[in-house]
Protein backbone atom coordinates (compact mmCIF):
# COMPACT_ATOMS: atom_id res chain seq x y z
CA UNK A 1 159.74 63.39 -63.47
CA UNK A 2 156.30 64.52 -62.47
CA UNK A 3 155.44 68.17 -62.11
CA UNK A 4 153.72 68.71 -58.77
CA UNK A 5 152.15 71.59 -56.94
CA UNK A 6 154.08 72.53 -53.83
CA UNK A 7 152.33 74.46 -51.07
CA UNK A 8 154.37 76.94 -49.05
CA UNK A 9 152.63 77.42 -45.71
CA UNK A 10 153.55 80.29 -43.40
CA UNK A 11 153.56 79.27 -39.73
CA UNK A 12 154.23 81.53 -36.75
CA UNK A 13 157.18 80.43 -34.66
CA UNK A 14 155.53 78.73 -31.71
CA UNK A 15 155.71 75.31 -30.14
CA UNK A 16 153.21 72.91 -31.72
CA UNK A 17 152.37 74.81 -34.91
CA UNK A 18 153.96 72.20 -37.21
CA UNK A 19 152.34 69.42 -35.20
CA UNK A 20 148.90 71.04 -35.61
CA UNK A 21 149.37 71.40 -39.36
CA UNK A 22 150.53 67.80 -39.82
CA UNK A 23 147.81 66.42 -37.54
CA UNK A 24 145.02 68.34 -39.29
CA UNK A 25 146.25 67.18 -42.70
CA UNK A 26 146.42 63.60 -41.40
CA UNK A 27 142.93 63.85 -39.89
CA UNK A 28 141.66 64.90 -43.33
CA UNK A 29 143.26 61.79 -44.86
CA UNK A 30 145.96 63.76 -46.68
CA UNK A 31 149.36 62.13 -47.09
CA UNK A 32 152.44 64.34 -46.95
CA UNK A 33 154.84 63.08 -49.62
CA UNK A 34 157.59 65.65 -49.00
CA UNK A 35 158.20 68.39 -46.42
CA UNK A 36 160.91 70.90 -45.71
CA UNK A 37 161.05 74.02 -43.59
CA UNK A 38 162.83 77.31 -44.09
CA UNK A 39 163.37 79.53 -41.09
CA UNK A 40 162.59 83.25 -41.17
CA UNK A 41 162.60 85.78 -38.34
CA UNK A 42 158.99 85.46 -37.17
CA UNK A 43 157.78 82.71 -39.47
CA UNK A 44 158.68 79.29 -40.72
CA UNK A 45 157.89 78.49 -44.32
CA UNK A 46 156.81 74.87 -44.59
CA UNK A 47 157.15 73.46 -48.12
CA UNK A 48 154.71 70.58 -48.67
CA UNK A 49 153.93 68.16 -51.44
CA UNK A 50 150.76 66.26 -50.63
CA UNK A 51 148.64 63.64 -52.37
CA UNK A 52 145.49 65.81 -52.48
CA UNK A 53 146.22 69.48 -53.07
CA UNK A 54 142.58 70.63 -53.15
CA UNK A 55 141.67 69.03 -49.80
CA UNK A 56 144.90 70.39 -48.32
CA UNK A 57 143.88 73.92 -49.34
CA UNK A 58 140.53 73.42 -47.58
CA UNK A 59 142.37 72.39 -44.39
CA UNK A 60 144.70 75.41 -44.65
CA UNK A 61 141.67 77.68 -45.10
CA UNK A 62 139.99 76.25 -41.99
CA UNK A 63 143.23 76.84 -40.06
CA UNK A 64 143.37 80.39 -41.48
CA UNK A 65 146.95 79.83 -42.64
CA UNK A 66 148.54 81.86 -45.42
CA UNK A 67 150.02 79.80 -48.22
CA UNK A 68 151.31 80.03 -51.76
CA UNK A 69 151.49 77.47 -54.54
CA UNK A 70 154.31 76.78 -56.97
CA UNK A 71 155.09 74.17 -59.58
CA UNK A 72 158.03 71.87 -58.78
CA UNK A 73 159.65 68.78 -60.23
CA UNK A 74 159.90 65.63 -58.15
CA UNK A 75 162.53 63.18 -59.29
CA UNK A 76 163.39 59.79 -57.87
CA UNK A 77 167.13 59.11 -58.00
CA UNK A 78 169.49 56.36 -57.06
CA UNK A 79 171.04 57.12 -53.68
CA UNK A 80 174.65 57.12 -54.89
CA UNK A 81 177.49 59.59 -55.44
CA UNK A 82 176.96 61.69 -58.56
CA UNK A 83 173.22 61.06 -59.00
CA UNK A 84 172.32 64.65 -58.15
CA UNK A 85 175.09 66.06 -60.36
CA UNK A 86 173.75 64.02 -63.31
CA UNK A 87 170.40 65.81 -62.97
CA UNK A 88 171.52 69.37 -62.34
CA UNK A 89 174.43 69.55 -64.80
CA UNK A 90 172.21 69.58 -67.92
CA UNK A 91 170.03 72.24 -66.32
CA UNK A 92 173.06 74.47 -65.79
CA UNK A 93 174.24 73.79 -69.33
CA UNK A 94 170.82 74.92 -70.59
CA UNK A 95 170.85 78.11 -68.50
CA UNK A 96 168.11 77.01 -66.10
CA UNK A 97 168.54 78.36 -62.60
CA UNK A 98 167.57 76.25 -59.59
CA UNK A 99 165.58 78.49 -57.25
CA UNK A 100 164.91 76.03 -54.43
CA UNK A 101 165.59 72.36 -53.85
CA UNK A 102 165.56 69.68 -51.22
CA UNK A 103 166.62 66.08 -51.30
CA UNK A 104 166.24 63.12 -49.02
CA UNK A 105 167.52 59.59 -49.35
CA UNK A 106 166.33 56.31 -47.90
CA UNK A 107 168.07 53.07 -48.70
CA UNK A 108 168.90 52.90 -52.38
CA UNK A 109 166.53 55.68 -53.51
CA UNK A 110 166.40 59.46 -53.07
CA UNK A 111 163.66 61.99 -53.72
CA UNK A 112 164.68 65.33 -55.20
CA UNK A 113 162.33 68.30 -55.27
CA UNK A 114 163.39 71.06 -57.67
CA UNK A 115 161.94 74.50 -58.29
CA UNK A 116 163.60 76.17 -61.28
CA UNK A 117 163.15 79.28 -63.38
CA UNK A 118 161.48 77.10 -66.06
CA UNK A 119 160.13 73.83 -64.63
CA UNK A 120 158.54 72.63 -67.88
CA UNK A 121 161.77 73.08 -69.83
CA UNK A 122 163.75 71.52 -66.96
CA UNK A 123 161.43 68.51 -67.01
CA UNK A 124 162.02 68.03 -70.76
CA UNK A 125 165.80 68.39 -70.36
CA UNK A 126 165.94 65.91 -67.50
CA UNK A 127 163.75 63.41 -69.38
CA UNK A 128 166.03 63.71 -72.42
CA UNK A 129 169.16 63.39 -70.29
CA UNK A 130 167.83 60.29 -68.50
CA UNK A 131 166.87 58.70 -71.83
CA UNK A 132 170.47 59.07 -73.03
CA UNK A 133 171.83 57.19 -70.01
């Protein structure tokens, strides 16, 4: 369960803004490993996990885009009923609140991105829980 830096990029609502961001990251040789968007009134918040955070920040600076960084957990799961519950139940039992999450599945595997109130403790709990199973 690696801890990763997630970048939250603030994009104005306009046609092509997400395309420009993704294209500029691609042109810089940066791979997007996970992406989600959250809609706001005038802005979209694009949550990104990339393979080169420092180069991504350079690209965002050149584009003059506002962004924030946060620590998140990325967890690969089996794509089956109950896999998510197995991960989040011990967090709840240990009084760790999930602030933001997204999940996607392809074939037999899923990728879960979790932002909690204590990511380091959550990582230890999940590692311990997985070791027991």
